Amino acid sequence: MKRLFDITLALFCLAVLSPIFLIIAIKIRYHVGSPVIFRQKRPGKGGKIFEMIKFRSMNDSRDENGVLLPDGQRLTKFGSKLRNSSLDELPELWNVVKGDMSLVGPRPLLVQYLPLYSNEQKRRHEVRPGVTGWAQVNGRNSLSWEEKFKLDVWYVDNRSLWLDIKILFLTIKKVFVKEGISAEGHVTIEPFKGNNEDA
């Protein structure tokens, strides 16, 4: 039922929002550059790696040695607006249609975090990652990593179609309120460096 709900709503949103996709793509091409889509390997259900797509929000500025500058220096003004409105996440609807992601679930994090999780934290990969999730509507990037993982695991244990619908409505509210977009001192959130928990 959840998969049918995901596919139906994702296809509907892709069709209805297609003009917005085109406008955003044109603006990214002008303000940020090509390509307009950002692709990155992320772990999905069971830790299986897939390619997540988002609208690009950072340029490729590098230092004199050809090394990419920090995210905060590469995030463009238009890219910041995309992130603040969460519009950069819209292409992930295609990941939902493909089956890599769900509309609701723990957010897909970086591949290099996989060996850093405790056994309990690894449980976030028992379900498909989501475009939005329980942690996103309860603090998003203002939460500590430990708090986010606890919320992710809570979702795994309590997931239901009605909870997904609740989270989707709360996500719409959060987008307009613009809460928890970044952690203090970071463009989004500080990198996860592991923990000493025994689980």
N, C-alpha and C. Protein backbone atom coordinates (compact mmCIF):
# COMPACT_ATOMS: atom_id res chain seq x y z
N MET A 1 0.83 -1.20 0.00
CA MET A 1 0.00 0.00 0.00
C MET A 1 0.86 1.26 0.00
N LYS A 2 1.93 1.23 0.80
CA LYS A 2 2.83 2.38 0.87
C LYS A 2 3.50 2.64 -0.48
N ARG A 3 3.92 1.54 -1.14
CA ARG A 3 4.59 1.70 -2.44
C ARG A 3 3.64 2.25 -3.48
N LEU A 4 2.40 1.78 -3.49
CA LEU A 4 1.40 2.29 -4.43
C LEU A 4 1.13 3.76 -4.16
N PHE A 5 1.04 4.13 -2.89
CA PHE A 5 0.83 5.53 -2.49
C PHE A 5 1.99 6.39 -2.98
N ASP A 6 3.22 5.90 -2.78
CA ASP A 6 4.42 6.64 -3.19
C ASP A 6 4.42 6.90 -4.70
N ILE A 7 4.21 5.85 -5.48
CA ILE A 7 4.27 5.98 -6.94
C ILE A 7 3.17 6.91 -7.45
N THR A 8 1.96 6.74 -6.94
CA THR A 8 0.83 7.55 -7.41
C THR A 8 1.05 9.03 -7.11
N LEU A 9 1.42 9.34 -5.88
CA LEU A 9 1.60 10.74 -5.50
C LEU A 9 2.84 11.35 -6.16
N ALA A 10 3.91 10.57 -6.29
CA ALA A 10 5.13 11.09 -6.93
C ALA A 10 4.89 11.40 -8.40
N LEU A 11 4.21 10.51 -9.12
CA LEU A 11 3.90 10.76 -10.53
C LEU A 11 2.98 11.97 -10.69
N PHE A 12 2.01 12.09 -9.79
CA PHE A 12 1.10 13.24 -9.83
C PHE A 12 1.88 14.54 -9.63
N CYS A 13 2.77 14.56 -8.64
CA CYS A 13 3.56 15.76 -8.35
C CYS A 13 4.50 16.09 -9.51
N LEU A 14 5.11 15.07 -10.11
CA LEU A 14 6.01 15.30 -11.24
C LEU A 14 5.26 15.95 -12.40
N ALA A 15 4.03 15.50 -12.63
CA ALA A 15 3.23 16.05 -13.73
C ALA A 15 2.80 17.49 -13.44
N VAL A 16 2.29 17.70 -12.24
CA VAL A 16 1.77 19.02 -11.88
C VAL A 16 2.89 20.06 -11.74
N LEU A 17 4.03 19.62 -11.24
CA LEU A 17 5.13 20.55 -10.97
C LEU A 17 6.11 20.69 -12.13
N SER A 18 5.86 20.04 -13.23
CA SER A 18 6.80 20.09 -14.36
C SER A 18 7.12 21.52 -14.82
N PRO A 19 6.17 22.46 -14.86
CA PRO A 19 6.53 23.84 -15.23
C PRO A 19 7.50 24.46 -14.24
N ILE A 20 7.33 24.14 -12.95
CA ILE A 20 8.23 24.67 -11.92
C ILE A 20 9.62 24.07 -12.09
N PHE A 21 9.69 22.78 -12.42
CA PHE A 21 10.97 22.13 -12.70
C PHE A 21 11.71 22.89 -13.80
N LEU A 22 11.01 23.23 -14.87
CA LEU A 22 11.63 23.92 -16.01
C LEU A 22 12.15 25.29 -15.60
N ILE A 23 11.34 26.04 -14.86
CA ILE A 23 11.75 27.38 -14.41
C ILE A 23 12.98 27.30 -13.52
N ILE A 24 12.98 26.36 -12.58
CA ILE A 24 14.12 26.21 -11.68
C ILE A 24 15.37 25.83 -12.45
N ALA A 25 15.23 24.91 -13.41
CA ALA A 25 16.38 24.47 -14.21
C ALA A 25 17.00 25.63 -14.97
N ILE A 26 16.16 26.48 -15.55
CA ILE A 26 16.65 27.65 -16.30
C ILE A 26 17.40 28.60 -15.37
N LYS A 27 16.83 28.83 -14.18
CA LYS A 27 17.46 29.74 -13.22
C LYS A 27 18.78 29.19 -12.70
N ILE A 28 18.85 27.87 -12.47
CA ILE A 28 20.10 27.27 -12.02
C ILE A 28 21.17 27.40 -13.10
N ARG A 29 20.78 27.16 -14.34
CA ARG A 29 21.72 27.28 -15.46
C ARG A 29 22.30 28.68 -15.52
N TYR A 30 21.48 29.68 -15.23
CA TYR A 30 21.91 31.09 -15.31
C TYR A 30 22.71 31.50 -14.08
N HIS A 31 22.23 31.14 -12.87
CA HIS A 31 22.84 31.63 -11.63
C HIS A 31 23.94 30.73 -11.08
N VAL A 32 23.87 29.43 -11.36
CA VAL A 32 24.83 28.49 -10.78
C VAL A 32 25.73 27.86 -11.84
N GLY A 33 25.14 27.49 -12.97
CA GLY A 33 25.90 26.87 -14.05
C GLY A 33 25.40 25.48 -14.36
N SER A 34 26.11 24.79 -15.24
CA SER A 34 25.74 23.41 -15.62
C SER A 34 26.62 22.43 -14.88
N PRO A 35 26.10 21.22 -14.66
CA PRO A 35 24.74 20.76 -14.94
C PRO A 35 23.76 21.29 -13.90
N VAL A 36 22.48 21.25 -14.20
CA VAL A 36 21.49 21.76 -13.25
C VAL A 36 21.13 20.71 -12.20
N ILE A 37 21.46 19.44 -12.48
CA ILE A 37 21.16 18.35 -11.55
C ILE A 37 22.43 17.91 -10.83
N PHE A 38 22.32 17.76 -9.52
CA PHE A 38 23.41 17.26 -8.68
C PHE A 38 23.15 15.78 -8.41
N ARG A 39 24.13 14.93 -8.66
CA ARG A 39 24.00 13.49 -8.45
C ARG A 39 25.00 13.03 -7.41
N GLN A 40 24.55 12.18 -6.52
CA GLN A 40 25.46 11.68 -5.48
C GLN A 40 25.03 10.28 -5.03
N LYS A 41 26.01 9.43 -4.81
CA LYS A 41 25.73 8.08 -4.32
C LYS A 41 25.29 8.16 -2.86
N ARG A 42 24.19 7.48 -2.55
CA ARG A 42 23.68 7.43 -1.19
C ARG A 42 23.24 6.00 -0.87
N PRO A 43 23.28 5.60 0.40
CA PRO A 43 22.82 4.27 0.76
C PRO A 43 21.30 4.24 0.94
N GLY A 44 20.66 3.22 0.38
CA GLY A 44 19.22 3.08 0.50
C GLY A 44 18.84 1.95 1.42
N LYS A 45 17.72 1.30 1.14
CA LYS A 45 17.24 0.20 1.96
C LYS A 45 18.26 -0.93 1.97
N GLY A 46 18.58 -1.42 3.16
CA GLY A 46 19.56 -2.48 3.29
C GLY A 46 20.98 -2.02 3.03
N GLY A 47 21.18 -0.71 2.95
CA GLY A 47 22.51 -0.16 2.67
C GLY A 47 22.89 -0.20 1.21
N LYS A 48 21.95 -0.61 0.33
CA LYS A 48 22.23 -0.68 -1.10
C LYS A 48 22.45 0.73 -1.65
N ILE A 49 23.52 0.91 -2.41
CA ILE A 49 23.87 2.23 -2.92
C ILE A 49 23.06 2.57 -4.18
N PHE A 50 22.54 3.79 -4.21
CA PHE A 50 21.83 4.29 -5.38
C PHE A 50 22.27 5.72 -5.66
N GLU A 51 21.91 6.24 -6.81
CA GLU A 51 22.27 7.61 -7.18
C GLU A 51 21.09 8.55 -6.92
N MET A 52 21.22 9.40 -5.93
CA MET A 52 20.18 10.36 -5.60
C MET A 52 20.39 11.63 -6.44
N ILE A 53 19.29 12.22 -6.90
CA ILE A 53 19.39 13.44 -7.69
C ILE A 53 18.68 14.59 -7.00
N LYS A 54 19.28 15.76 -7.10
CA LYS A 54 18.73 16.99 -6.53
C LYS A 54 19.02 18.13 -7.51
N PHE A 55 18.35 19.25 -7.32
CA PHE A 55 18.73 20.43 -8.07
C PHE A 55 20.04 20.96 -7.50
N ARG A 56 20.93 21.38 -8.35
CA ARG A 56 22.24 21.87 -7.93
C ARG A 56 22.11 23.23 -7.26
N SER A 57 22.81 23.40 -6.13
CA SER A 57 22.75 24.67 -5.40
C SER A 57 24.12 25.30 -5.20
N MET A 58 25.20 24.55 -5.51
CA MET A 58 26.56 25.07 -5.32
C MET A 58 27.32 25.08 -6.64
N ASN A 59 28.21 26.05 -6.77
CA ASN A 59 29.05 26.10 -7.97
C ASN A 59 30.32 25.27 -7.76
N ASP A 60 31.22 25.28 -8.74
CA ASP A 60 32.44 24.46 -8.68
C ASP A 60 33.68 25.29 -8.39
N SER A 61 33.53 26.37 -7.64
CA SER A 61 34.67 27.24 -7.34
C SER A 61 35.77 26.47 -6.60
N ARG A 62 37.00 26.69 -7.03
CA ARG A 62 38.15 25.99 -6.44
C ARG A 62 39.23 26.97 -6.04
N ASP A 63 40.15 26.53 -5.17
CA ASP A 63 41.26 27.38 -4.77
C ASP A 63 42.38 27.30 -5.81
N GLU A 64 43.50 27.93 -5.52
CA GLU A 64 44.60 27.98 -6.48
C GLU A 64 45.21 26.61 -6.77
N ASN A 65 44.94 25.64 -5.90
CA ASN A 65 45.45 24.28 -6.10
C ASN A 65 44.44 23.35 -6.76
N GLY A 66 43.30 23.92 -7.16
CA GLY A 66 42.29 23.14 -7.83
C GLY A 66 41.39 22.35 -6.90
N VAL A 67 41.48 22.65 -5.60
CA VAL A 67 40.65 21.96 -4.60
C VAL A 67 39.34 22.73 -4.42
N LEU A 68 38.24 21.99 -4.38
CA LEU A 68 36.94 22.64 -4.19
C LEU A 68 36.92 23.43 -2.90
N LEU A 69 36.34 24.63 -2.96
CA LEU A 69 36.20 25.46 -1.77
C LEU A 69 35.15 24.85 -0.84
N PRO A 70 35.14 25.25 0.44
CA PRO A 70 34.13 24.73 1.38
C PRO A 70 32.71 25.03 0.89
N ASP A 71 31.77 24.18 1.32
CA ASP A 71 30.38 24.32 0.89
C ASP A 71 29.85 25.74 1.08
N GLY A 72 30.16 26.34 2.23
CA GLY A 72 29.64 27.67 2.53
C GLY A 72 30.07 28.72 1.52
N GLN A 73 31.24 28.52 0.90
CA GLN A 73 31.73 29.48 -0.09
C GLN A 73 31.21 29.18 -1.49
N ARG A 74 30.77 27.95 -1.70
CA ARG A 74 30.28 27.57 -3.03
C ARG A 74 28.76 27.67 -3.16
N LEU A 75 28.08 27.79 -2.01
CA LEU A 75 26.63 27.91 -2.03
C LEU A 75 26.25 29.28 -2.58
N THR A 76 25.57 29.31 -3.71
CA THR A 76 25.20 30.56 -4.34
C THR A 76 23.97 31.17 -3.68
N LYS A 77 23.72 32.43 -3.98
CA LYS A 77 22.55 33.11 -3.42
C LYS A 77 21.26 32.42 -3.87
N PHE A 78 21.20 32.07 -5.15
CA PHE A 78 20.01 31.37 -5.65
C PHE A 78 19.94 29.97 -5.06
N GLY A 79 21.10 29.32 -4.93
CA GLY A 79 21.14 27.99 -4.34
C GLY A 79 20.65 28.00 -2.90
N SER A 80 20.98 29.06 -2.17
CA SER A 80 20.52 29.19 -0.80
C SER A 80 19.00 29.31 -0.75
N LYS A 81 18.44 30.04 -1.70
CA LYS A 81 16.98 30.17 -1.77
C LYS A 81 16.34 28.81 -2.06
N LEU A 82 16.97 28.04 -2.95
CA LEU A 82 16.45 26.71 -3.26
C LEU A 82 16.43 25.83 -2.01
N ARG A 83 17.52 25.87 -1.24
CA ARG A 83 17.59 25.03 -0.05
C ARG A 83 16.60 25.50 1.02
N ASN A 84 16.49 26.81 1.19
CA ASN A 84 15.58 27.35 2.20
C ASN A 84 14.13 26.97 1.90
N SER A 85 13.81 26.84 0.62
CA SER A 85 12.44 26.49 0.23
C SER A 85 12.27 24.99 0.04
N SER A 86 13.39 24.24 0.13
CA SER A 86 13.42 22.78 -0.09
C SER A 86 13.10 22.39 -1.53
N LEU A 87 13.10 23.36 -2.44
CA LEU A 87 12.83 23.06 -3.84
C LEU A 87 13.95 22.25 -4.48
N ASP A 88 15.14 22.30 -3.87
CA ASP A 88 16.25 21.52 -4.43
C ASP A 88 15.99 20.01 -4.31
N GLU A 89 15.04 19.61 -3.45
CA GLU A 89 14.75 18.20 -3.23
C GLU A 89 13.77 17.62 -4.26
N LEU A 90 13.11 18.47 -5.04
CA LEU A 90 12.05 18.01 -5.94
C LEU A 90 12.46 16.88 -6.89
N PRO A 91 13.67 16.89 -7.49
CA PRO A 91 14.03 15.80 -8.40
C PRO A 91 14.04 14.42 -7.74
N GLU A 92 14.08 14.37 -6.41
CA GLU A 92 14.06 13.09 -5.72
C GLU A 92 12.74 12.35 -5.94
N LEU A 93 11.73 13.06 -6.43
CA LEU A 93 10.48 12.38 -6.77
C LEU A 93 10.73 11.30 -7.81
N TRP A 94 11.71 11.52 -8.69
CA TRP A 94 12.05 10.50 -9.68
C TRP A 94 12.69 9.29 -9.00
N ASN A 95 13.49 9.53 -7.95
CA ASN A 95 14.04 8.42 -7.17
C ASN A 95 12.93 7.60 -6.52
N VAL A 96 11.84 8.28 -6.14
CA VAL A 96 10.70 7.58 -5.55
C VAL A 96 10.03 6.68 -6.59
N VAL A 97 9.83 7.21 -7.79
CA VAL A 97 9.20 6.44 -8.87
C VAL A 97 10.05 5.21 -9.20
N LYS A 98 11.36 5.37 -9.23
CA LYS A 98 12.27 4.27 -9.55
C LYS A 98 12.32 3.21 -8.46
N GLY A 99 11.94 3.58 -7.25
CA GLY A 99 11.96 2.62 -6.15
C GLY A 99 13.18 2.74 -5.25
N ASP A 100 14.05 3.72 -5.52
CA ASP A 100 15.22 3.94 -4.68
C ASP A 100 14.82 4.54 -3.34
N MET A 101 13.77 5.37 -3.38
CA MET A 101 13.36 6.12 -2.20
C MET A 101 11.86 6.01 -2.01
N SER A 102 11.41 6.47 -0.85
CA SER A 102 9.99 6.61 -0.54
C SER A 102 9.72 8.09 -0.33
N LEU A 103 8.47 8.49 -0.36
CA LEU A 103 8.15 9.88 -0.03
C LEU A 103 8.54 10.18 1.41
N VAL A 104 8.34 9.20 2.29
CA VAL A 104 8.63 9.38 3.71
C VAL A 104 9.52 8.25 4.21
N GLY A 105 10.57 8.63 4.94
CA GLY A 105 11.49 7.66 5.50
C GLY A 105 12.71 8.40 6.03
N PRO A 106 13.65 7.73 6.64
CA PRO A 106 14.88 8.39 7.08
C PRO A 106 15.62 8.98 5.87
N ARG A 107 16.13 10.19 6.01
CA ARG A 107 16.82 10.81 4.88
C ARG A 107 18.08 10.02 4.51
N PRO A 108 18.36 9.85 3.21
CA PRO A 108 19.58 9.14 2.79
C PRO A 108 20.81 10.00 3.08
N LEU A 109 21.73 9.47 3.84
CA LEU A 109 22.92 10.22 4.22
C LEU A 109 24.11 9.80 3.36
N LEU A 110 25.31 10.20 3.74
CA LEU A 110 26.48 9.93 2.93
C LEU A 110 26.96 8.49 3.09
N VAL A 111 27.51 7.95 2.01
CA VAL A 111 27.99 6.57 2.02
C VAL A 111 29.08 6.37 3.07
N GLN A 112 29.93 7.38 3.27
CA GLN A 112 31.03 7.23 4.22
C GLN A 112 30.59 7.14 5.67
N TYR A 113 29.31 7.39 5.93
CA TYR A 113 28.80 7.26 7.30
C TYR A 113 28.47 5.80 7.67
N LEU A 114 28.30 4.95 6.67
CA LEU A 114 27.84 3.58 6.91
C LEU A 114 28.63 2.84 7.99
N PRO A 115 29.97 2.87 7.97
CA PRO A 115 30.70 2.11 9.00
C PRO A 115 30.70 2.79 10.37
N LEU A 116 30.14 3.99 10.47
CA LEU A 116 30.19 4.75 11.71
C LEU A 116 28.96 4.54 12.60
N TYR A 117 27.92 3.91 12.05
CA TYR A 117 26.68 3.74 12.81
C TYR A 117 26.81 2.66 13.88
N SER A 118 26.08 2.86 14.98
CA SER A 118 25.92 1.79 15.96
C SER A 118 24.92 0.80 15.38
N ASN A 119 24.79 -0.36 15.98
CA ASN A 119 23.83 -1.36 15.48
C ASN A 119 22.41 -0.81 15.48
N GLU A 120 22.08 -0.03 16.50
CA GLU A 120 20.74 0.56 16.57
C GLU A 120 20.53 1.59 15.46
N GLN A 121 21.54 2.41 15.22
CA GLN A 121 21.43 3.43 14.18
C GLN A 121 21.33 2.83 12.79
N LYS A 122 21.94 1.66 12.60
CA LYS A 122 21.88 0.98 11.30
C LYS A 122 20.45 0.59 10.93
N ARG A 123 19.57 0.53 11.91
CA ARG A 123 18.20 0.12 11.65
C ARG A 123 17.45 1.11 10.76
N ARG A 124 17.98 2.31 10.62
CA ARG A 124 17.35 3.29 9.73
C ARG A 124 17.34 2.79 8.29
N HIS A 125 18.19 1.80 7.98
CA HIS A 125 18.25 1.26 6.63
C HIS A 125 17.34 0.04 6.44
N GLU A 126 16.46 -0.21 7.40
CA GLU A 126 15.50 -1.30 7.25
C GLU A 126 14.36 -0.91 6.31
N VAL A 127 14.25 0.38 6.02
CA VAL A 127 13.20 0.88 5.12
C VAL A 127 13.84 1.75 4.03
N ARG A 128 13.08 2.05 2.99
CA ARG A 128 13.58 2.96 1.96
C ARG A 128 13.79 4.35 2.56
N PRO A 129 14.85 5.05 2.15
CA PRO A 129 15.04 6.43 2.61
C PRO A 129 13.95 7.32 2.02
N GLY A 130 13.72 8.47 2.65
CA GLY A 130 12.62 9.32 2.22
C GLY A 130 13.03 10.70 1.74
N VAL A 131 12.15 11.30 0.96
CA VAL A 131 12.31 12.70 0.55
C VAL A 131 12.16 13.57 1.79
N THR A 132 11.27 13.17 2.68
CA THR A 132 11.12 13.80 3.98
C THR A 132 10.98 12.70 5.01
N GLY A 133 11.00 13.07 6.29
CA GLY A 133 10.94 12.05 7.32
C GLY A 133 10.54 12.59 8.67
N TRP A 134 10.44 11.71 9.64
CA TRP A 134 10.03 12.08 10.99
C TRP A 134 11.03 13.05 11.62
N ALA A 135 12.32 12.85 11.37
CA ALA A 135 13.33 13.77 11.90
C ALA A 135 13.21 15.15 11.25
N GLN A 136 12.83 15.18 9.96
CA GLN A 136 12.75 16.45 9.23
C GLN A 136 11.63 17.33 9.77
N VAL A 137 10.55 16.73 10.27
CA VAL A 137 9.44 17.55 10.79
C VAL A 137 9.56 17.74 12.30
N ASN A 138 10.65 17.24 12.88
CA ASN A 138 10.87 17.41 14.32
C ASN A 138 12.21 18.07 14.63
N GLY A 139 12.64 18.96 13.74
CA GLY A 139 13.87 19.69 14.00
C GLY A 139 14.86 19.74 12.87
N ARG A 140 14.80 18.77 11.97
CA ARG A 140 15.66 18.73 10.79
C ARG A 140 17.13 18.90 11.19
N ASN A 141 17.84 19.83 10.62
CA ASN A 141 19.27 19.98 10.86
C ASN A 141 19.62 20.70 12.15
N SER A 142 18.62 21.17 12.90
CA SER A 142 18.88 21.77 14.20
C SER A 142 19.07 20.70 15.27
N LEU A 143 18.75 19.45 14.94
CA LEU A 143 18.91 18.33 15.86
C LEU A 143 20.34 17.82 15.88
N SER A 144 20.73 17.19 16.98
CA SER A 144 22.02 16.50 17.00
C SER A 144 21.88 15.22 16.20
N TRP A 145 23.01 14.63 15.82
CA TRP A 145 22.96 13.37 15.07
C TRP A 145 22.25 12.29 15.89
N GLU A 146 22.53 12.23 17.19
CA GLU A 146 21.92 11.21 18.03
C GLU A 146 20.40 11.35 18.05
N GLU A 147 19.93 12.59 18.14
CA GLU A 147 18.48 12.85 18.15
C GLU A 147 17.85 12.44 16.81
N LYS A 148 18.53 12.77 15.72
CA LYS A 148 18.01 12.42 14.39
C LYS A 148 17.90 10.90 14.22
N PHE A 149 18.93 10.18 14.64
CA PHE A 149 18.92 8.73 14.49
C PHE A 149 17.83 8.08 15.34
N LYS A 150 17.61 8.61 16.54
CA LYS A 150 16.55 8.06 17.40
C LYS A 150 15.19 8.26 16.75
N LEU A 151 14.98 9.42 16.13
CA LEU A 151 13.72 9.68 15.44
C LEU A 151 13.59 8.78 14.21
N ASP A 152 14.69 8.54 13.52
CA ASP A 152 14.66 7.65 12.35
C ASP A 152 14.24 6.24 12.75
N VAL A 153 14.83 5.74 13.82
CA VAL A 153 14.52 4.39 14.27
C VAL A 153 13.08 4.32 14.80
N TRP A 154 12.64 5.40 15.46
CA TRP A 154 11.25 5.45 15.92
C TRP A 154 10.30 5.31 14.74
N TYR A 155 10.63 5.98 13.63
CA TYR A 155 9.79 5.87 12.43
C TYR A 155 9.78 4.43 11.91
N VAL A 156 10.94 3.80 11.88
CA VAL A 156 11.02 2.41 11.40
C VAL A 156 10.08 1.52 12.22
N ASP A 157 10.03 1.74 13.52
CA ASP A 157 9.21 0.90 14.40
C ASP A 157 7.73 1.25 14.39
N ASN A 158 7.40 2.46 13.96
CA ASN A 158 6.01 2.92 14.05
C ASN A 158 5.41 3.33 12.71
N ARG A 159 6.07 2.99 11.61
CA ARG A 159 5.63 3.46 10.30
C ARG A 159 4.24 2.93 9.94
N SER A 160 3.51 3.79 9.27
CA SER A 160 2.17 3.43 8.78
C SER A 160 1.81 4.45 7.71
N LEU A 161 0.82 4.12 6.90
CA LEU A 161 0.38 5.05 5.85
C LEU A 161 -0.13 6.34 6.46
N TRP A 162 -0.86 6.24 7.57
CA TRP A 162 -1.40 7.45 8.19
C TRP A 162 -0.29 8.31 8.76
N LEU A 163 0.75 7.70 9.30
CA LEU A 163 1.89 8.48 9.80
C LEU A 163 2.58 9.18 8.64
N ASP A 164 2.71 8.49 7.50
CA ASP A 164 3.31 9.11 6.31
C ASP A 164 2.52 10.34 5.87
N ILE A 165 1.19 10.21 5.86
CA ILE A 165 0.35 11.34 5.46
C ILE A 165 0.53 12.51 6.43
N LYS A 166 0.60 12.20 7.72
CA LYS A 166 0.82 13.25 8.73
C LYS A 166 2.15 13.95 8.49
N ILE A 167 3.20 13.17 8.22
CA ILE A 167 4.54 13.74 8.01
C ILE A 167 4.55 14.61 6.75
N LEU A 168 3.86 14.19 5.70
CA LEU A 168 3.81 14.98 4.47
C LEU A 168 3.14 16.34 4.72
N PHE A 169 2.06 16.35 5.48
CA PHE A 169 1.39 17.62 5.79
C PHE A 169 2.27 18.50 6.68
N LEU A 170 2.95 17.89 7.66
CA LEU A 170 3.85 18.65 8.52
C LEU A 170 5.04 19.20 7.73
N THR A 171 5.48 18.44 6.71
CA THR A 171 6.58 18.90 5.86
C THR A 171 6.20 20.16 5.11
N ILE A 172 4.99 20.19 4.56
CA ILE A 172 4.52 21.37 3.85
C ILE A 172 4.53 22.58 4.79
N LYS A 173 4.09 22.38 6.02
CA LYS A 173 4.09 23.45 7.01
C LYS A 173 5.52 23.92 7.30
N LYS A 174 6.43 22.97 7.47
CA LYS A 174 7.83 23.31 7.78
C LYS A 174 8.48 24.08 6.64
N VAL A 175 8.12 23.74 5.39
CA VAL A 175 8.70 24.43 4.24
C VAL A 175 8.34 25.92 4.29
N PHE A 176 7.11 26.21 4.65
CA PHE A 176 6.67 27.61 4.71
C PHE A 176 7.26 28.33 5.92
N VAL A 177 7.41 27.62 7.05
CA VAL A 177 7.96 28.23 8.26
C VAL A 177 9.48 28.36 8.16
N LYS A 178 10.12 27.44 7.40
CA LYS A 178 11.57 27.42 7.19
C LYS A 178 12.33 27.23 8.49
N GLU A 179 11.97 26.19 9.23
CA GLU A 179 12.63 25.88 10.49
C GLU A 179 13.68 24.79 10.31
N GLY A 180 14.78 24.90 11.08
CA GLY A 180 15.76 23.82 11.15
C GLY A 180 16.51 23.52 9.87
N ILE A 181 16.65 24.52 8.99
CA ILE A 181 17.30 24.29 7.70
C ILE A 181 18.79 24.01 7.86
N SER A 182 19.42 24.66 8.82
CA SER A 182 20.85 24.44 9.02
C SER A 182 21.19 24.42 10.50
N ALA A 183 22.31 23.76 10.81
CA ALA A 183 22.81 23.76 12.18
C ALA A 183 23.67 25.00 12.37
N GLU A 184 23.78 25.45 13.60
CA GLU A 184 24.54 26.67 13.88
C GLU A 184 25.99 26.52 13.43
N GLY A 185 26.45 27.47 12.61
CA GLY A 185 27.82 27.45 12.14
C GLY A 185 28.08 26.59 10.93
N HIS A 186 27.02 26.01 10.34
CA HIS A 186 27.17 25.13 9.19
C HIS A 186 26.13 25.47 8.13
N VAL A 187 26.46 25.17 6.86
CA VAL A 187 25.51 25.39 5.78
C VAL A 187 24.29 24.50 5.97
N THR A 188 24.49 23.26 6.39
CA THR A 188 23.38 22.35 6.68
C THR A 188 23.57 21.78 8.08
N ILE A 189 24.44 20.80 8.23
CA ILE A 189 24.73 20.20 9.54
C ILE A 189 26.17 19.73 9.54
N GLU A 190 26.78 19.72 10.74
CA GLU A 190 28.17 19.27 10.82
C GLU A 190 28.26 17.79 10.44
N PRO A 191 29.40 17.38 9.89
CA PRO A 191 29.56 15.98 9.47
C PRO A 191 29.43 15.03 10.65
N PHE A 192 28.88 13.84 10.38
CA PHE A 192 28.78 12.80 11.40
C PHE A 192 30.13 12.12 11.52
N LYS A 193 30.63 12.02 12.77
CA LYS A 193 31.96 11.46 12.99
C LYS A 193 31.93 10.16 13.79
N GLY A 194 30.73 9.60 13.92
CA GLY A 194 30.62 8.35 14.66
C GLY A 194 30.33 8.60 16.12
N ASN A 195 30.23 7.53 16.88
CA ASN A 195 29.93 7.63 18.30
C ASN A 195 30.51 6.45 19.02
N ASN A 196 30.40 6.50 20.34
CA ASN A 196 30.95 5.43 21.16
C ASN A 196 29.88 4.54 21.76
N GLU A 197 28.67 4.60 21.17
CA GLU A 197 27.58 3.81 21.73
C GLU A 197 27.78 2.33 21.44
N ASP A 198 27.42 1.51 22.37
CA ASP A 198 27.38 0.06 22.16
C ASP A 198 25.92 -0.31 21.97
N ALA A 199 25.58 -0.82 20.77
CA ALA A 199 24.18 -1.14 20.50
C ALA A 199 24.09 -2.46 19.78
